[in-house]
């Protein structure tokens, strides 16, 4: 087996274990979900899902959920859980991270999300922060009215 196929197998095995219900808790992985946005029609939600391992490292995924949970899809874009010691190898290659963010962008457009920037070029950064950002709208302006000159 080549080194590439071995690392792909290792990545697939890790993804299967982390994705299995309850497996992440059994391994001591703490997962946090943060709501980022709702679609324009309110039928779907975008979550950032972060995992932290007991020996360091973690994972970053984006999950799009519909009203029915089975209509959800998750995009794992970073996983650098420590296998022990001080190493934290990135198990999601840059090209795969970029592909998954392109797929996320398509999914968001299909479900009618607005004001979300997806930045696949940020997959090349070591920490992979800023992959998905939410536009914040400025506060509404109050109309300027001229004072009445009537007496």
N, C-alpha and C. Protein backbone atom coordinates (compact mmCIF):
# COMPACT_ATOMS: atom_id res chain seq x y z
N UNK A 1 0.86 -1.16 0.00
CA UNK A 1 0.00 0.00 0.00
C UNK A 1 0.90 1.23 0.00
N UNK A 2 0.60 2.23 -0.83
CA UNK A 2 1.42 3.43 -0.91
C UNK A 2 1.15 4.32 0.30
N UNK A 3 2.06 5.29 0.51
CA UNK A 3 1.89 6.22 1.63
C UNK A 3 0.63 7.06 1.44
N UNK A 4 0.33 7.42 0.18
CA UNK A 4 -0.87 8.23 -0.10
C UNK A 4 -2.14 7.45 0.24
N UNK A 5 -2.21 6.18 -0.19
CA UNK A 5 -3.42 5.40 0.09
C UNK A 5 -3.54 5.11 1.58
N UNK A 6 -2.41 4.97 2.27
CA UNK A 6 -2.44 4.75 3.72
C UNK A 6 -3.01 5.98 4.43
N UNK A 7 -2.57 7.19 4.01
CA UNK A 7 -3.08 8.40 4.65
C UNK A 7 -4.55 8.62 4.32
N UNK A 8 -4.97 8.27 3.11
CA UNK A 8 -6.38 8.38 2.74
C UNK A 8 -7.21 7.41 3.59
N UNK A 9 -6.70 6.20 3.78
CA UNK A 9 -7.41 5.22 4.63
C UNK A 9 -7.49 5.72 6.06
N UNK A 10 -6.40 6.30 6.57
CA UNK A 10 -6.40 6.82 7.93
C UNK A 10 -7.41 7.95 8.08
N UNK A 11 -7.46 8.84 7.07
CA UNK A 11 -8.41 9.94 7.09
C UNK A 11 -9.85 9.42 7.07
N UNK A 12 -10.10 8.44 6.22
CA UNK A 12 -11.44 7.86 6.13
C UNK A 12 -11.83 7.19 7.44
N UNK A 13 -10.90 6.50 8.06
CA UNK A 13 -11.19 5.82 9.33
C UNK A 13 -11.49 6.84 10.42
N UNK A 14 -10.69 7.92 10.49
CA UNK A 14 -10.91 8.95 11.50
C UNK A 14 -12.26 9.62 11.27
N UNK A 15 -12.58 9.95 10.03
CA UNK A 15 -13.86 10.60 9.72
C UNK A 15 -15.02 9.70 10.12
N UNK A 16 -14.89 8.39 9.86
CA UNK A 16 -15.96 7.45 10.21
C UNK A 16 -16.14 7.37 11.72
N UNK A 17 -15.05 7.36 12.46
CA UNK A 17 -15.13 7.28 13.92
C UNK A 17 -15.73 8.55 14.49
N UNK A 18 -15.27 9.72 14.00
CA UNK A 18 -15.78 10.99 14.52
C UNK A 18 -17.25 11.17 14.15
N UNK A 19 -17.64 10.70 12.97
CA UNK A 19 -19.02 10.88 12.52
C UNK A 19 -20.00 9.92 13.19
N UNK A 20 -19.51 8.81 13.72
CA UNK A 20 -20.39 7.83 14.35
C UNK A 20 -21.04 8.43 15.59
N UNK A 21 -22.34 8.22 15.76
CA UNK A 21 -23.03 8.79 16.92
C UNK A 21 -22.40 8.33 18.23
N UNK A 22 -22.06 9.30 19.07
CA UNK A 22 -21.50 8.98 20.37
C UNK A 22 -20.02 8.66 20.36
N UNK A 23 -19.43 8.42 19.20
CA UNK A 23 -18.02 8.04 19.15
C UNK A 23 -17.12 9.17 19.60
N UNK A 24 -17.47 10.40 19.22
CA UNK A 24 -16.61 11.52 19.60
C UNK A 24 -16.57 11.69 21.12
N UNK A 25 -17.71 11.47 21.79
CA UNK A 25 -17.72 11.59 23.26
C UNK A 25 -16.90 10.47 23.88
N UNK A 26 -16.97 9.28 23.31
CA UNK A 26 -16.24 8.14 23.86
C UNK A 26 -14.74 8.36 23.75
N UNK A 27 -14.31 9.10 22.73
CA UNK A 27 -12.89 9.38 22.54
C UNK A 27 -12.45 10.61 23.33
N UNK A 28 -13.37 11.27 24.02
CA UNK A 28 -13.04 12.46 24.79
C UNK A 28 -13.01 13.72 23.94
N UNK A 29 -13.62 13.66 22.76
CA UNK A 29 -13.67 14.82 21.88
C UNK A 29 -14.88 15.66 22.27
N UNK A 30 -14.64 16.95 22.48
CA UNK A 30 -15.71 17.87 22.83
C UNK A 30 -16.12 18.59 21.55
N UNK A 31 -17.41 18.55 21.23
CA UNK A 31 -17.90 19.24 20.04
C UNK A 31 -18.74 20.44 20.44
N UNK A 32 -18.54 21.53 19.73
CA UNK A 32 -19.31 22.75 19.95
C UNK A 32 -19.95 23.16 18.63
N UNK A 33 -21.25 23.45 18.67
CA UNK A 33 -21.97 23.93 17.49
C UNK A 33 -22.33 25.38 17.69
N UNK A 34 -22.11 26.18 16.65
CA UNK A 34 -22.46 27.59 16.73
C UNK A 34 -23.29 27.95 15.50
N UNK A 35 -24.48 28.48 15.74
CA UNK A 35 -25.35 28.91 14.65
C UNK A 35 -24.74 30.14 14.00
N UNK A 36 -24.56 30.08 12.67
CA UNK A 36 -24.01 31.21 11.94
C UNK A 36 -25.07 32.00 11.19
N UNK A 37 -26.03 31.31 10.57
CA UNK A 37 -27.03 32.01 9.76
C UNK A 37 -28.21 31.11 9.46
N UNK A 38 -29.30 31.75 9.07
CA UNK A 38 -30.49 31.07 8.55
C UNK A 38 -30.66 31.44 7.08
N UNK A 39 -31.26 30.55 6.32
CA UNK A 39 -31.58 30.85 4.92
C UNK A 39 -32.65 31.93 4.90
N UNK A 40 -32.83 32.55 3.74
CA UNK A 40 -33.80 33.64 3.60
C UNK A 40 -35.21 33.18 3.95
N UNK A 41 -35.56 31.94 3.63
CA UNK A 41 -36.91 31.45 3.93
C UNK A 41 -37.02 30.82 5.32
N UNK A 42 -35.91 30.76 6.06
CA UNK A 42 -35.93 30.23 7.41
C UNK A 42 -35.99 28.72 7.50
N UNK A 43 -35.91 28.02 6.38
CA UNK A 43 -36.04 26.56 6.38
C UNK A 43 -34.73 25.83 6.64
N UNK A 44 -33.60 26.53 6.50
CA UNK A 44 -32.29 25.91 6.70
C UNK A 44 -31.43 26.77 7.61
N UNK A 45 -30.46 26.13 8.27
CA UNK A 45 -29.54 26.83 9.15
C UNK A 45 -28.12 26.38 8.86
N UNK A 46 -27.17 27.29 9.01
CA UNK A 46 -25.75 27.00 8.83
C UNK A 46 -25.10 27.03 10.21
N UNK A 47 -24.39 25.95 10.54
CA UNK A 47 -23.69 25.84 11.82
C UNK A 47 -22.20 25.65 11.58
N UNK A 48 -21.40 26.20 12.48
CA UNK A 48 -19.98 25.89 12.54
C UNK A 48 -19.84 24.84 13.63
N UNK A 49 -19.17 23.74 13.32
CA UNK A 49 -19.01 22.65 14.28
C UNK A 49 -17.52 22.47 14.53
N UNK A 50 -17.09 22.70 15.76
CA UNK A 50 -15.69 22.55 16.13
C UNK A 50 -15.54 21.41 17.13
N UNK A 51 -14.50 20.63 16.94
CA UNK A 51 -14.18 19.56 17.87
C UNK A 51 -12.82 19.81 18.49
N UNK A 52 -12.68 19.46 19.76
CA UNK A 52 -11.40 19.59 20.46
C UNK A 52 -11.06 18.24 21.05
N UNK A 53 -9.82 17.83 20.81
CA UNK A 53 -9.39 16.54 21.32
C UNK A 53 -8.70 16.65 22.67
N UNK A 54 -8.66 15.55 23.43
CA UNK A 54 -8.05 15.56 24.76
C UNK A 54 -6.53 15.73 24.71
N UNK A 55 -5.93 15.37 23.59
CA UNK A 55 -4.47 15.48 23.48
C UNK A 55 -4.05 16.61 22.55
N UNK A 56 -4.97 17.48 22.22
CA UNK A 56 -4.67 18.61 21.35
C UNK A 56 -5.25 18.43 19.96
N UNK A 57 -5.18 19.50 19.21
CA UNK A 57 -5.73 19.48 17.87
C UNK A 57 -7.24 19.58 17.91
N UNK A 58 -7.83 19.50 16.73
CA UNK A 58 -9.27 19.60 16.66
C UNK A 58 -9.78 19.45 15.25
N UNK A 59 -11.04 19.80 15.07
CA UNK A 59 -11.65 19.71 13.75
C UNK A 59 -12.54 20.92 13.53
N UNK A 60 -12.78 21.21 12.26
CA UNK A 60 -13.67 22.29 11.88
C UNK A 60 -14.53 21.79 10.73
N UNK A 61 -15.83 21.92 10.89
CA UNK A 61 -16.77 21.52 9.85
C UNK A 61 -17.88 22.55 9.80
N UNK A 62 -18.54 22.61 8.66
CA UNK A 62 -19.73 23.44 8.49
C UNK A 62 -20.88 22.52 8.16
N UNK A 63 -22.00 22.73 8.86
CA UNK A 63 -23.16 21.85 8.71
C UNK A 63 -24.37 22.68 8.30
N UNK A 64 -25.02 22.26 7.25
CA UNK A 64 -26.25 22.90 6.79
C UNK A 64 -27.38 21.95 7.12
N UNK A 65 -28.33 22.44 7.92
CA UNK A 65 -29.45 21.61 8.36
C UNK A 65 -30.75 22.20 7.87
N UNK A 66 -31.66 21.31 7.47
CA UNK A 66 -33.02 21.71 7.13
C UNK A 66 -33.90 21.53 8.34
N UNK A 67 -35.19 21.75 8.16
CA UNK A 67 -36.14 21.55 9.25
C UNK A 67 -36.13 20.10 9.72
N UNK A 68 -35.87 19.19 8.79
CA UNK A 68 -35.77 17.77 9.11
C UNK A 68 -34.29 17.43 9.12
N UNK A 69 -33.80 16.84 10.18
CA UNK A 69 -32.36 16.60 10.33
C UNK A 69 -31.76 15.74 9.22
N UNK A 70 -32.54 14.86 8.64
CA UNK A 70 -31.99 14.01 7.59
C UNK A 70 -31.68 14.81 6.33
N UNK A 71 -32.19 16.02 6.26
CA UNK A 71 -31.91 16.90 5.13
C UNK A 71 -30.70 17.77 5.44
N UNK A 72 -29.73 17.22 6.14
CA UNK A 72 -28.54 17.99 6.50
C UNK A 72 -27.32 17.43 5.80
N UNK A 73 -26.31 18.28 5.68
CA UNK A 73 -25.06 17.88 5.06
C UNK A 73 -23.92 18.59 5.81
N UNK A 74 -22.83 17.86 6.02
CA UNK A 74 -21.70 18.42 6.76
C UNK A 74 -20.46 18.40 5.90
N UNK A 75 -19.65 19.46 6.01
CA UNK A 75 -18.43 19.61 5.23
C UNK A 75 -17.25 19.74 6.19
N UNK A 76 -16.48 18.67 6.35
CA UNK A 76 -15.29 18.68 7.20
C UNK A 76 -14.17 19.36 6.43
N UNK A 77 -13.65 20.47 6.96
CA UNK A 77 -12.62 21.23 6.24
C UNK A 77 -11.27 21.23 6.95
N UNK A 78 -11.24 20.78 8.20
CA UNK A 78 -9.98 20.72 8.93
C UNK A 78 -10.07 19.67 10.02
N UNK A 79 -8.99 18.89 10.15
CA UNK A 79 -8.90 17.90 11.22
C UNK A 79 -7.43 17.68 11.53
N UNK A 80 -7.04 18.12 12.69
CA UNK A 80 -5.64 17.93 13.09
C UNK A 80 -5.54 17.41 14.52
N UNK A 81 -6.36 16.42 14.83
CA UNK A 81 -6.30 15.80 16.15
C UNK A 81 -4.93 15.17 16.35
N UNK A 82 -4.43 15.29 17.56
CA UNK A 82 -3.12 14.73 17.88
C UNK A 82 -3.22 13.22 18.06
N UNK A 83 -2.33 12.48 17.40
CA UNK A 83 -2.31 11.03 17.61
C UNK A 83 -1.54 10.66 18.87
N UNK A 84 -1.12 11.65 19.61
CA UNK A 84 -0.29 11.46 20.81
C UNK A 84 1.00 12.24 20.61
N UNK A 85 1.58 12.65 21.69
CA UNK A 85 2.77 13.48 21.56
C UNK A 85 2.38 14.89 21.15
N UNK A 86 3.33 15.59 20.55
CA UNK A 86 3.08 16.99 20.22
C UNK A 86 2.64 17.19 18.77
N UNK A 87 2.59 16.13 17.98
CA UNK A 87 2.24 16.32 16.57
C UNK A 87 0.74 16.52 16.40
N UNK A 88 0.39 17.38 15.44
CA UNK A 88 -1.01 17.62 15.09
C UNK A 88 -1.09 17.70 13.56
N UNK A 89 -0.99 16.56 12.88
CA UNK A 89 -0.99 16.58 11.42
C UNK A 89 -2.35 16.95 10.84
N UNK A 90 -2.35 17.79 9.81
CA UNK A 90 -3.59 18.16 9.12
C UNK A 90 -4.00 17.00 8.23
N UNK A 91 -5.16 16.42 8.51
CA UNK A 91 -5.62 15.25 7.77
C UNK A 91 -6.49 15.59 6.57
N UNK A 92 -6.91 16.85 6.45
CA UNK A 92 -7.71 17.28 5.30
C UNK A 92 -6.79 18.09 4.39
N UNK A 93 -6.39 17.51 3.26
CA UNK A 93 -5.49 18.22 2.35
C UNK A 93 -6.11 19.52 1.83
N UNK A 94 -5.26 20.46 1.43
CA UNK A 94 -5.72 21.75 0.93
C UNK A 94 -6.73 21.57 -0.21
N UNK A 95 -6.42 20.70 -1.16
CA UNK A 95 -7.31 20.51 -2.31
C UNK A 95 -8.69 20.00 -1.88
N UNK A 96 -8.73 19.10 -0.91
CA UNK A 96 -10.01 18.58 -0.42
C UNK A 96 -10.78 19.66 0.34
N UNK A 97 -10.08 20.46 1.12
CA UNK A 97 -10.71 21.58 1.83
C UNK A 97 -11.35 22.53 0.82
N UNK A 98 -10.63 22.85 -0.24
CA UNK A 98 -11.15 23.75 -1.27
C UNK A 98 -12.37 23.15 -1.96
N UNK A 99 -12.32 21.86 -2.27
CA UNK A 99 -13.46 21.19 -2.91
C UNK A 99 -14.69 21.22 -2.01
N UNK A 100 -14.47 20.97 -0.73
CA UNK A 100 -15.60 20.94 0.21
C UNK A 100 -16.20 22.33 0.39
N UNK A 101 -15.35 23.37 0.38
CA UNK A 101 -15.89 24.72 0.50
C UNK A 101 -16.64 25.13 -0.76
N UNK A 102 -16.18 24.69 -1.92
CA UNK A 102 -16.92 24.94 -3.16
C UNK A 102 -18.29 24.27 -3.08
N UNK A 103 -18.33 23.04 -2.57
CA UNK A 103 -19.59 22.32 -2.42
C UNK A 103 -20.49 23.01 -1.39
N UNK A 104 -19.90 23.52 -0.32
CA UNK A 104 -20.67 24.26 0.69
C UNK A 104 -21.28 25.51 0.06
N UNK A 105 -20.49 26.23 -0.72
CA UNK A 105 -20.98 27.44 -1.38
C UNK A 105 -22.18 27.13 -2.28
N UNK A 106 -22.09 26.04 -3.02
CA UNK A 106 -23.19 25.61 -3.89
C UNK A 106 -24.43 25.26 -3.06
N UNK A 107 -24.22 24.54 -1.96
CA UNK A 107 -25.34 24.15 -1.08
C UNK A 107 -26.01 25.39 -0.48
N UNK A 108 -25.22 26.36 -0.06
CA UNK A 108 -25.78 27.59 0.51
C UNK A 108 -26.61 28.34 -0.52
N UNK A 109 -26.11 28.43 -1.75
CA UNK A 109 -26.85 29.11 -2.82
C UNK A 109 -28.15 28.37 -3.13
N UNK A 110 -28.08 27.04 -3.19
CA UNK A 110 -29.26 26.22 -3.48
C UNK A 110 -30.34 26.42 -2.43
N UNK A 111 -29.94 26.55 -1.17
CA UNK A 111 -30.92 26.68 -0.08
C UNK A 111 -31.31 28.13 0.20
N UNK A 112 -30.76 29.08 -0.56
CA UNK A 112 -31.19 30.47 -0.43
C UNK A 112 -30.55 31.27 0.68
N UNK A 113 -29.32 30.93 1.06
CA UNK A 113 -28.61 31.74 2.05
C UNK A 113 -28.08 33.00 1.37
N UNK A 114 -28.05 34.10 2.11
CA UNK A 114 -27.51 35.35 1.58
C UNK A 114 -26.53 35.95 2.58
N UNK A 115 -25.57 36.72 2.06
CA UNK A 115 -24.64 37.44 2.94
C UNK A 115 -23.57 36.58 3.56
N UNK A 116 -23.24 35.45 2.94
CA UNK A 116 -22.22 34.56 3.47
C UNK A 116 -21.08 34.47 2.46
N UNK A 117 -19.86 34.75 2.92
CA UNK A 117 -18.69 34.66 2.05
C UNK A 117 -17.93 33.38 2.38
N UNK A 118 -17.66 32.59 1.36
CA UNK A 118 -16.91 31.35 1.49
C UNK A 118 -15.57 31.58 0.81
N UNK A 119 -14.46 31.34 1.52
CA UNK A 119 -13.12 31.67 1.02
C UNK A 119 -12.23 30.43 0.94
N UNK A 120 -12.33 29.67 -0.16
CA UNK A 120 -11.52 28.45 -0.30
C UNK A 120 -10.01 28.72 -0.26
N UNK A 121 -9.58 29.91 -0.67
CA UNK A 121 -8.14 30.22 -0.65
C UNK A 121 -7.57 30.21 0.77
N UNK A 122 -8.42 30.35 1.78
CA UNK A 122 -7.96 30.32 3.18
C UNK A 122 -7.61 28.90 3.63
N UNK A 123 -7.91 27.89 2.78
CA UNK A 123 -7.53 26.51 3.11
C UNK A 123 -6.00 26.38 3.16
N UNK A 124 -5.31 27.30 2.55
CA UNK A 124 -3.84 27.26 2.52
C UNK A 124 -3.20 27.80 3.80
N UNK A 125 -3.99 28.39 4.69
CA UNK A 125 -3.45 28.90 5.95
C UNK A 125 -3.41 27.77 6.97
N UNK A 126 -2.42 27.79 7.85
CA UNK A 126 -2.29 26.68 8.82
C UNK A 126 -3.48 26.54 9.77
N UNK A 127 -4.08 27.65 10.21
CA UNK A 127 -5.16 27.54 11.19
C UNK A 127 -6.54 27.42 10.54
N UNK A 128 -6.64 27.74 9.26
CA UNK A 128 -7.88 27.64 8.49
C UNK A 128 -9.04 28.45 9.08
N UNK A 129 -8.71 29.51 9.78
CA UNK A 129 -9.76 30.41 10.27
C UNK A 129 -10.21 31.32 9.14
N UNK A 130 -11.42 31.81 9.21
CA UNK A 130 -11.94 32.74 8.22
C UNK A 130 -12.40 32.08 6.93
N UNK A 131 -12.67 30.79 6.95
CA UNK A 131 -13.12 30.10 5.75
C UNK A 131 -14.53 30.54 5.36
N UNK A 132 -15.36 30.77 6.36
CA UNK A 132 -16.74 31.21 6.13
C UNK A 132 -16.97 32.44 7.01
N UNK A 133 -17.41 33.51 6.39
CA UNK A 133 -17.69 34.73 7.14
C UNK A 133 -19.09 35.20 6.81
N UNK A 134 -19.71 35.83 7.78
CA UNK A 134 -21.08 36.31 7.64
C UNK A 134 -21.03 37.83 7.53
N UNK A 135 -21.69 38.36 6.51
CA UNK A 135 -21.75 39.81 6.33
C UNK A 135 -22.67 40.39 7.39
N UNK A 136 -22.23 41.45 7.99
CA UNK A 136 -23.09 42.14 8.94
C UNK A 136 -23.57 43.42 8.27
N UNK A 137 -24.84 43.63 8.33
CA UNK A 137 -25.41 44.80 7.70
C UNK A 137 -25.30 45.99 8.64
N UNK A 138 -25.04 47.18 8.08
CA UNK A 138 -24.97 48.36 8.94
C UNK A 138 -26.35 48.66 9.51
N UNK A 139 -26.39 49.35 10.64
CA UNK A 139 -27.69 49.66 11.22
C UNK A 139 -28.50 50.54 10.25
N UNK A 140 -29.79 50.42 10.34
CA UNK A 140 -30.66 51.21 9.47
C UNK A 140 -30.47 52.69 9.75
N UNK A 141 -30.43 53.46 8.69
CA UNK A 141 -30.28 54.90 8.84
C UNK A 141 -31.64 55.52 9.14
N UNK A 142 -31.63 56.52 9.99
CA UNK A 142 -32.87 57.22 10.27
C UNK A 142 -32.98 58.36 9.27
N UNK A 143 -34.13 58.54 8.71
CA UNK A 143 -34.27 59.60 7.71
C UNK A 143 -34.07 60.98 8.33
N UNK A 144 -33.44 61.83 7.56
CA UNK A 144 -33.22 63.20 8.02
C UNK A 144 -34.45 64.01 7.62
N UNK A 145 -35.04 64.64 8.58
CA UNK A 145 -36.21 65.47 8.29
C UNK A 145 -35.86 66.91 8.57
N UNK A 146 -36.36 67.77 7.73
CA UNK A 146 -36.13 69.19 7.95
C UNK A 146 -37.11 69.69 9.01
N UNK A 147 -36.62 70.50 9.89
CA UNK A 147 -37.54 71.03 10.92
C UNK A 147 -38.63 71.88 10.26
N UNK A 148 -39.76 71.79 10.82
CA UNK A 148 -40.90 72.52 10.27
C UNK A 148 -40.71 74.02 10.53
N UNK A 149 -40.93 74.80 9.51
CA UNK A 149 -40.80 76.26 9.65
C UNK A 149 -42.15 76.90 9.95
N UNK A 150 -43.17 76.11 10.08
CA UNK A 150 -44.51 76.65 10.39
C UNK A 150 -44.55 77.08 11.84
N UNK A 151 -45.33 78.12 12.06
CA UNK A 151 -45.52 78.60 13.44
C UNK A 151 -46.93 78.56 13.83
